[in-house]
N, C-alpha and C. Protein backbone atom coordinates (compact mmCIF):
# COMPACT_ATOMS: atom_id res chain seq x y z
N MET A 1 -4.64 -10.38 -38.86
CA MET A 1 -5.56 -11.46 -38.65
C MET A 1 -6.72 -11.02 -37.77
N SER A 2 -6.47 -10.18 -36.80
CA SER A 2 -7.56 -9.73 -35.93
C SER A 2 -8.53 -8.82 -36.69
N GLU A 3 -8.03 -8.14 -37.74
CA GLU A 3 -8.93 -7.32 -38.55
C GLU A 3 -9.92 -8.18 -39.32
N THR A 4 -9.50 -9.35 -39.77
CA THR A 4 -10.38 -10.26 -40.49
C THR A 4 -11.51 -10.74 -39.60
N ILE A 5 -11.19 -11.09 -38.38
CA ILE A 5 -12.20 -11.55 -37.44
C ILE A 5 -13.16 -10.41 -37.11
N THR A 6 -12.65 -9.23 -36.91
CA THR A 6 -13.49 -8.08 -36.59
C THR A 6 -14.40 -7.74 -37.75
N ASP A 7 -13.88 -7.77 -38.97
CA ASP A 7 -14.69 -7.47 -40.15
C ASP A 7 -15.79 -8.52 -40.32
N ALA A 8 -15.47 -9.78 -40.08
CA ALA A 8 -16.48 -10.83 -40.22
C ALA A 8 -17.57 -10.68 -39.17
N ALA A 9 -17.18 -10.31 -37.95
CA ALA A 9 -18.17 -10.11 -36.90
C ALA A 9 -19.03 -8.89 -37.18
N ALA A 10 -18.46 -7.86 -37.74
CA ALA A 10 -19.22 -6.64 -38.03
C ALA A 10 -20.18 -6.85 -39.19
N SER A 11 -19.83 -7.70 -40.14
CA SER A 11 -20.69 -7.91 -41.31
C SER A 11 -21.75 -8.98 -41.05
N ALA A 12 -21.65 -9.73 -39.97
CA ALA A 12 -22.64 -10.75 -39.67
C ALA A 12 -23.97 -10.09 -39.30
N PRO A 13 -25.07 -10.61 -39.81
CA PRO A 13 -26.36 -9.99 -39.49
C PRO A 13 -26.70 -10.16 -38.01
N ARG A 14 -27.28 -9.11 -37.45
CA ARG A 14 -27.66 -9.14 -36.04
C ARG A 14 -29.00 -9.84 -35.90
N ARG A 15 -29.08 -10.77 -34.98
CA ARG A 15 -30.34 -11.48 -34.73
C ARG A 15 -31.11 -10.76 -33.65
N ASN A 16 -32.42 -10.85 -33.75
CA ASN A 16 -33.27 -10.28 -32.71
C ASN A 16 -33.21 -11.17 -31.48
N PRO A 17 -33.30 -10.58 -30.29
CA PRO A 17 -33.37 -11.41 -29.09
C PRO A 17 -34.65 -12.25 -29.12
N THR A 18 -34.56 -13.45 -28.60
CA THR A 18 -35.70 -14.36 -28.61
C THR A 18 -36.90 -13.77 -27.87
N TRP A 19 -36.64 -13.10 -26.76
CA TRP A 19 -37.75 -12.55 -25.98
C TRP A 19 -38.52 -11.51 -26.78
N LEU A 20 -37.83 -10.77 -27.64
CA LEU A 20 -38.49 -9.74 -28.44
C LEU A 20 -39.34 -10.37 -29.53
N VAL A 21 -38.81 -11.41 -30.17
CA VAL A 21 -39.58 -12.11 -31.20
C VAL A 21 -40.82 -12.74 -30.59
N VAL A 22 -40.67 -13.36 -29.43
CA VAL A 22 -41.80 -14.01 -28.75
C VAL A 22 -42.84 -12.98 -28.32
N THR A 23 -42.40 -11.83 -27.82
CA THR A 23 -43.32 -10.80 -27.38
C THR A 23 -44.12 -10.23 -28.55
N ILE A 24 -43.46 -9.92 -29.64
CA ILE A 24 -44.15 -9.37 -30.80
C ILE A 24 -45.09 -10.41 -31.40
N ALA A 25 -44.59 -11.64 -31.57
CA ALA A 25 -45.43 -12.69 -32.14
C ALA A 25 -46.60 -13.03 -31.21
N GLY A 26 -46.37 -13.01 -29.92
CA GLY A 26 -47.45 -13.30 -28.97
C GLY A 26 -48.52 -12.24 -28.98
N ALA A 27 -48.12 -10.98 -29.05
CA ALA A 27 -49.10 -9.89 -29.08
C ALA A 27 -49.97 -9.97 -30.34
N PHE A 28 -49.34 -10.18 -31.47
CA PHE A 28 -50.13 -10.32 -32.70
C PHE A 28 -50.85 -11.66 -32.74
N GLY A 29 -50.27 -12.68 -32.16
CA GLY A 29 -50.90 -14.00 -32.13
C GLY A 29 -52.25 -13.97 -31.43
N LEU A 30 -52.42 -13.11 -30.45
CA LEU A 30 -53.71 -12.99 -29.77
C LEU A 30 -54.80 -12.52 -30.74
N PHE A 31 -54.46 -11.59 -31.61
CA PHE A 31 -55.44 -11.12 -32.59
C PHE A 31 -55.75 -12.19 -33.64
N TYR A 32 -54.73 -12.92 -34.06
CA TYR A 32 -54.97 -14.04 -34.97
C TYR A 32 -55.82 -15.11 -34.29
N ALA A 33 -55.56 -15.38 -33.02
CA ALA A 33 -56.34 -16.38 -32.28
C ALA A 33 -57.79 -15.95 -32.15
N TYR A 34 -58.03 -14.66 -32.00
CA TYR A 34 -59.41 -14.17 -31.95
C TYR A 34 -60.12 -14.45 -33.26
N ALA A 35 -59.45 -14.27 -34.37
CA ALA A 35 -60.05 -14.56 -35.68
C ALA A 35 -60.37 -16.05 -35.81
N VAL A 36 -59.47 -16.90 -35.33
CA VAL A 36 -59.72 -18.35 -35.37
C VAL A 36 -60.90 -18.70 -34.48
N TRP A 37 -60.92 -18.15 -33.27
CA TRP A 37 -61.99 -18.44 -32.32
C TRP A 37 -63.34 -17.98 -32.86
N ASN A 38 -63.38 -16.82 -33.48
CA ASN A 38 -64.60 -16.30 -34.05
C ASN A 38 -65.11 -17.19 -35.19
N ALA A 39 -64.22 -17.61 -36.06
CA ALA A 39 -64.61 -18.49 -37.17
C ALA A 39 -65.07 -19.85 -36.64
N LEU A 40 -64.39 -20.35 -35.63
CA LEU A 40 -64.78 -21.63 -35.05
C LEU A 40 -66.16 -21.53 -34.39
N GLY A 41 -66.42 -20.43 -33.73
CA GLY A 41 -67.73 -20.21 -33.14
C GLY A 41 -68.84 -20.19 -34.18
N ASN A 42 -68.58 -19.54 -35.31
CA ASN A 42 -69.57 -19.51 -36.39
C ASN A 42 -69.74 -20.88 -37.03
N LEU A 43 -68.67 -21.64 -37.14
CA LEU A 43 -68.76 -23.00 -37.66
C LEU A 43 -69.63 -23.86 -36.75
N ILE A 44 -69.41 -23.77 -35.45
CA ILE A 44 -70.19 -24.55 -34.49
C ILE A 44 -71.65 -24.11 -34.51
N ALA A 45 -71.89 -22.81 -34.67
CA ALA A 45 -73.27 -22.31 -34.70
C ALA A 45 -73.99 -22.72 -35.99
N ALA A 46 -73.27 -22.81 -37.10
CA ALA A 46 -73.89 -23.13 -38.38
C ALA A 46 -74.03 -24.63 -38.62
N ALA A 47 -73.24 -25.44 -37.95
CA ALA A 47 -73.25 -26.89 -38.19
C ALA A 47 -74.62 -27.53 -37.93
N PRO A 48 -75.33 -27.20 -36.86
CA PRO A 48 -76.64 -27.83 -36.65
C PRO A 48 -77.69 -27.46 -37.71
N LEU A 49 -77.46 -26.42 -38.48
CA LEU A 49 -78.41 -26.02 -39.51
C LEU A 49 -78.35 -26.92 -40.73
N GLY A 50 -77.34 -27.77 -40.81
CA GLY A 50 -77.19 -28.68 -41.94
C GLY A 50 -76.43 -28.06 -43.09
N LEU A 51 -75.13 -27.91 -42.94
CA LEU A 51 -74.29 -27.31 -43.97
C LEU A 51 -74.07 -28.29 -45.12
N ASN A 52 -73.99 -27.77 -46.32
CA ASN A 52 -73.57 -28.59 -47.45
C ASN A 52 -72.05 -28.51 -47.58
N ALA A 53 -71.51 -29.07 -48.65
CA ALA A 53 -70.05 -29.12 -48.81
C ALA A 53 -69.44 -27.71 -48.90
N LEU A 54 -70.12 -26.80 -49.58
CA LEU A 54 -69.62 -25.43 -49.69
C LEU A 54 -69.62 -24.75 -48.33
N GLY A 55 -70.65 -24.98 -47.55
CA GLY A 55 -70.72 -24.38 -46.21
C GLY A 55 -69.62 -24.89 -45.31
N TRP A 56 -69.39 -26.21 -45.34
CA TRP A 56 -68.30 -26.77 -44.54
C TRP A 56 -66.96 -26.21 -44.98
N PHE A 57 -66.75 -26.17 -46.30
CA PHE A 57 -65.48 -25.66 -46.82
C PHE A 57 -65.27 -24.20 -46.40
N LEU A 58 -66.32 -23.39 -46.53
CA LEU A 58 -66.20 -21.97 -46.21
C LEU A 58 -65.82 -21.77 -44.75
N TRP A 59 -66.53 -22.42 -43.84
CA TRP A 59 -66.28 -22.17 -42.41
C TRP A 59 -65.00 -22.84 -41.92
N ILE A 60 -64.65 -23.99 -42.48
CA ILE A 60 -63.38 -24.62 -42.08
C ILE A 60 -62.21 -23.80 -42.62
N PHE A 61 -62.32 -23.33 -43.85
CA PHE A 61 -61.24 -22.51 -44.39
C PHE A 61 -61.13 -21.18 -43.66
N ALA A 62 -62.27 -20.62 -43.24
CA ALA A 62 -62.25 -19.39 -42.46
C ALA A 62 -61.58 -19.62 -41.11
N THR A 63 -61.64 -20.83 -40.60
CA THR A 63 -60.97 -21.17 -39.34
C THR A 63 -59.48 -21.37 -39.54
N VAL A 64 -59.11 -21.98 -40.65
CA VAL A 64 -57.70 -22.32 -40.90
C VAL A 64 -56.91 -21.15 -41.47
N PHE A 65 -57.56 -20.27 -42.19
CA PHE A 65 -56.85 -19.18 -42.87
C PHE A 65 -56.03 -18.29 -41.94
N PRO A 66 -56.54 -17.86 -40.78
CA PRO A 66 -55.70 -17.03 -39.91
C PRO A 66 -54.45 -17.76 -39.41
N ILE A 67 -54.56 -19.06 -39.21
CA ILE A 67 -53.39 -19.85 -38.78
C ILE A 67 -52.34 -19.85 -39.88
N LEU A 68 -52.79 -20.07 -41.12
CA LEU A 68 -51.85 -20.06 -42.25
C LEU A 68 -51.24 -18.68 -42.46
N ALA A 69 -52.05 -17.64 -42.31
CA ALA A 69 -51.53 -16.28 -42.49
C ALA A 69 -50.50 -15.94 -41.41
N PHE A 70 -50.76 -16.35 -40.17
CA PHE A 70 -49.80 -16.10 -39.10
C PHE A 70 -48.50 -16.87 -39.35
N ALA A 71 -48.63 -18.13 -39.73
CA ALA A 71 -47.44 -18.95 -39.99
C ALA A 71 -46.59 -18.37 -41.12
N LEU A 72 -47.24 -17.94 -42.18
CA LEU A 72 -46.52 -17.34 -43.30
C LEU A 72 -45.87 -16.01 -42.91
N ALA A 73 -46.62 -15.17 -42.20
CA ALA A 73 -46.07 -13.88 -41.77
C ALA A 73 -44.90 -14.08 -40.80
N PHE A 74 -45.03 -15.05 -39.91
CA PHE A 74 -43.94 -15.32 -38.97
C PHE A 74 -42.71 -15.82 -39.71
N ALA A 75 -42.91 -16.74 -40.66
CA ALA A 75 -41.78 -17.28 -41.40
C ALA A 75 -41.08 -16.21 -42.23
N VAL A 76 -41.83 -15.29 -42.78
CA VAL A 76 -41.24 -14.22 -43.59
C VAL A 76 -40.53 -13.19 -42.72
N GLY A 77 -41.08 -12.88 -41.53
CA GLY A 77 -40.60 -11.73 -40.80
C GLY A 77 -39.75 -11.94 -39.58
N PHE A 78 -39.63 -13.14 -39.05
CA PHE A 78 -38.97 -13.27 -37.74
C PHE A 78 -37.49 -12.97 -37.75
N ARG A 79 -36.85 -12.96 -38.89
CA ARG A 79 -35.42 -12.62 -38.95
C ARG A 79 -35.18 -11.16 -39.31
N ARG A 80 -36.22 -10.44 -39.52
CA ARG A 80 -36.10 -9.02 -39.86
C ARG A 80 -36.03 -8.19 -38.58
N PRO A 81 -35.69 -6.93 -38.69
CA PRO A 81 -35.70 -6.05 -37.51
C PRO A 81 -37.10 -6.01 -36.87
N PRO A 82 -37.17 -5.70 -35.58
CA PRO A 82 -38.45 -5.78 -34.86
C PRO A 82 -39.59 -4.99 -35.50
N LEU A 83 -39.32 -3.78 -35.97
CA LEU A 83 -40.38 -2.98 -36.57
C LEU A 83 -40.90 -3.63 -37.85
N LEU A 84 -40.01 -4.14 -38.68
CA LEU A 84 -40.44 -4.81 -39.91
C LEU A 84 -41.17 -6.10 -39.60
N PHE A 85 -40.73 -6.81 -38.58
CA PHE A 85 -41.42 -8.03 -38.15
C PHE A 85 -42.85 -7.71 -37.74
N ALA A 86 -43.02 -6.64 -36.98
CA ALA A 86 -44.37 -6.23 -36.56
C ALA A 86 -45.20 -5.81 -37.77
N LEU A 87 -44.60 -5.14 -38.72
CA LEU A 87 -45.33 -4.72 -39.92
C LEU A 87 -45.75 -5.91 -40.78
N VAL A 88 -44.90 -6.92 -40.87
CA VAL A 88 -45.26 -8.12 -41.63
C VAL A 88 -46.43 -8.83 -40.95
N LEU A 89 -46.38 -8.94 -39.62
CA LEU A 89 -47.50 -9.56 -38.90
C LEU A 89 -48.77 -8.72 -39.02
N LEU A 90 -48.63 -7.40 -39.01
CA LEU A 90 -49.79 -6.52 -39.18
C LEU A 90 -50.38 -6.68 -40.58
N THR A 91 -49.54 -6.85 -41.57
CA THR A 91 -50.03 -7.07 -42.94
C THR A 91 -50.80 -8.38 -43.03
N GLY A 92 -50.27 -9.43 -42.41
CA GLY A 92 -51.00 -10.70 -42.38
C GLY A 92 -52.32 -10.58 -41.65
N LEU A 93 -52.35 -9.81 -40.58
CA LEU A 93 -53.58 -9.60 -39.83
C LEU A 93 -54.59 -8.80 -40.66
N ALA A 94 -54.12 -7.82 -41.41
CA ALA A 94 -55.01 -7.07 -42.29
C ALA A 94 -55.59 -7.96 -43.38
N LEU A 95 -54.77 -8.84 -43.92
CA LEU A 95 -55.25 -9.79 -44.92
C LEU A 95 -56.29 -10.73 -44.32
N THR A 96 -56.06 -11.15 -43.09
CA THR A 96 -57.03 -12.00 -42.39
C THR A 96 -58.34 -11.24 -42.17
N ALA A 97 -58.27 -9.97 -41.81
CA ALA A 97 -59.47 -9.18 -41.59
C ALA A 97 -60.27 -9.00 -42.88
N VAL A 98 -59.59 -8.75 -43.98
CA VAL A 98 -60.28 -8.61 -45.26
C VAL A 98 -60.93 -9.94 -45.65
N PHE A 99 -60.22 -11.03 -45.47
CA PHE A 99 -60.78 -12.34 -45.77
C PHE A 99 -62.01 -12.60 -44.90
N TRP A 100 -61.92 -12.25 -43.61
CA TRP A 100 -63.04 -12.48 -42.70
C TRP A 100 -64.27 -11.67 -43.12
N LEU A 101 -64.06 -10.43 -43.53
CA LEU A 101 -65.17 -9.62 -44.00
C LEU A 101 -65.80 -10.21 -45.25
N ASP A 102 -64.98 -10.76 -46.13
CA ASP A 102 -65.51 -11.43 -47.32
C ASP A 102 -66.35 -12.65 -46.95
N VAL A 103 -65.87 -13.43 -46.00
CA VAL A 103 -66.61 -14.62 -45.57
C VAL A 103 -67.94 -14.23 -44.94
N VAL A 104 -67.92 -13.25 -44.08
CA VAL A 104 -69.16 -12.82 -43.42
C VAL A 104 -70.14 -12.26 -44.45
N ALA A 105 -69.66 -11.46 -45.39
CA ALA A 105 -70.53 -10.91 -46.42
C ALA A 105 -71.13 -12.02 -47.27
N TYR A 106 -70.32 -12.98 -47.65
CA TYR A 106 -70.83 -14.08 -48.48
C TYR A 106 -71.83 -14.93 -47.70
N ALA A 107 -71.51 -15.23 -46.46
CA ALA A 107 -72.40 -16.06 -45.66
C ALA A 107 -73.71 -15.34 -45.35
N THR A 108 -73.67 -14.04 -45.24
CA THR A 108 -74.89 -13.28 -44.96
C THR A 108 -75.78 -13.17 -46.19
N THR A 109 -75.19 -12.91 -47.32
CA THR A 109 -76.00 -12.71 -48.53
C THR A 109 -76.40 -14.01 -49.21
N ASN A 110 -75.66 -15.08 -48.97
CA ASN A 110 -75.93 -16.36 -49.66
C ASN A 110 -76.13 -17.50 -48.66
N THR A 111 -76.86 -17.26 -47.62
CA THR A 111 -77.03 -18.28 -46.58
C THR A 111 -77.66 -19.54 -47.14
N ALA A 112 -78.61 -19.41 -48.02
CA ALA A 112 -79.31 -20.57 -48.56
C ALA A 112 -78.38 -21.48 -49.37
N SER A 113 -77.36 -20.91 -50.00
CA SER A 113 -76.45 -21.73 -50.79
C SER A 113 -75.46 -22.50 -49.92
N LEU A 114 -75.38 -22.18 -48.63
CA LEU A 114 -74.47 -22.88 -47.74
C LEU A 114 -75.16 -24.02 -46.98
N LEU A 115 -76.47 -24.05 -47.04
CA LEU A 115 -77.23 -25.06 -46.31
C LEU A 115 -77.72 -26.15 -47.27
N SER A 116 -77.82 -27.36 -46.72
CA SER A 116 -78.28 -28.45 -47.59
C SER A 116 -79.78 -28.61 -47.55
């Protein structure tokens, strides 16, 4: 009977310590927060120019996207080993960076289409 308990304990997946999950998520969360803050700053700067619906959608989505990417990366990775958790968050951050570059490129080349 003691072998059954030992086998069950050995086969149970090991959870990461909470402090480690919080530390990794917090470190990457700062970079995601920078992306949100940057997009929000551009939204506030562009709003007085008179944005149309596309302009509002673009800048609001650019503000919300890093939050969604972090939430999805956290949900996918927090039960994985610490290195894989960090890689999942890094992948989400890379996706956020590519999206941000697309937004900046579009807003720079098509400024007139974003204003009313």
